[in-house]
Amino acid sequence: MPAMAQFVKFTNLTHAWLKDLPDGTLKRRNAEAELLFRRLGITFAVYGETDDVERLIPFDIVPRIFGASEWQRLELGLKQRVRALNAFLHDIYHDQEIIKAGIISAHQVLDNGQYRPEMQGVDLPNQVYAHIAGIDLVRVAENDFYVLEDNLRTPSGVSYMLENRKTMMRLFPELFVKHTIEPVEHYPQMLLNTLREAAPPNVAYPVIVVMTPGSYNSAYFEHAYLASQMGVELVEGQDLFVHQQKVYMHTTEGPQQVHVIYRRVDDDFIDPRVFRPDSTLGVPGLMDAYCSGNVALANGVGTGVADDKSTYLFVPEMIRFYLGETPLLSNVPTWRLSEPEDLKYALAHLPELVVKEVQGSGGYGMLVGPTST
């Protein structure tokens, strides 16, 4: 069935289901969902706000529909994009062929605040830097999507999606009985398998941990949730130490070597000997162990140069250069404000545009033109 016809079919089925619900059902069950989230502590924090810091995750009780063929096309496009981004990261930290080819300037890469010269020449297992990627999409037509941005540093939010699905299944079991809906509950196992594959060579049974900045972090719920779901330890920097270029975890039975760290701590804070010396969140000597190949970090250090908002412009060219393929997903039309003509256009059309900090992430530092004064 063509994607559009499939989409219409499932939309009509969902509309009929919503129409048949008794009056007040959606309102009551939405209240049930909020109560459940509050009991489970499914919250996130917004930095810089003076009112209630902890907020319940948003829950939209009306499902977003993707037909199977439409989802398959998205999956192919996302895989293509992440493969190209990983190839770019390996290239810029090695031979820099894309710079030599004149596709992207040395200034764009080497002067980028997220470029980490400490990673130059460091070989990673399977040449993978971004093991987990958060690619933001927007539907612009009935059968067309744009990529809004790429998140490759410490992507966050998957736990909320998983809990949303559990809640929908609990509140509306009939919806899942009547329709064939792709499951998502296997994500933690997929993540665990990915982390195992990232382990240093010749490690048959890698010890994996989730490294969190602590309980005051905005995404702490997710850190604890994923560690629990994968059956691995949740640790802070103070729980780890480095000895002879290897990372160890303090346990009640003595030190235990750690082979893979799924780190939810930003580059600047992971090792006070290399990056910010005032960091109490990281592990002194971690970069030495990492660059020596004795521990894997997911995501890798220095991935931020690939999800920089100005680097975003070049991703379609990366796909052509590294993969020899035509991009399956398009970028949003973008103007670089460092270019005089682009700046002139943006200022003239500011009410229609979204302005982002070049090296920003996590939705901070944005100006949304249509809602600004």
Foldseek 3Di string as FASTA:
>chain_A
DDQLVQQVVVVVVLVVVVVPDPPPLVVVLVVVLQVVQVVVVQWFADPPDDPDGTDRDDADLRDDDGGPVLVVLVVVLVVLLQVLLLVCVLCVLEVVVCCVVVLDHPCLAVVDPLADNLSRPFDFQVSAQQLDKDWDWDDPDSRAIATAFIDRFQDDDVVVVLSSVVSSCVSCVVVVVVDPDDDDLCVLVVVLVSQVSRFFPPDPDAAEEEEDLDDPHRRVVVSVVSCVSNVHYYYWQVQWEDDPLWIWGQDPVGTDTHGEYAYNDGLQQAALVRHPVPHPGHYHNNSSSPSVRRHYYHNHRSSLSCRFQVNVVSSQVSSCVVVVDGRSHHHDDDADCVDPVSVVVCVVVVLCDKDAHRSDDDPPRIDNNVPDD
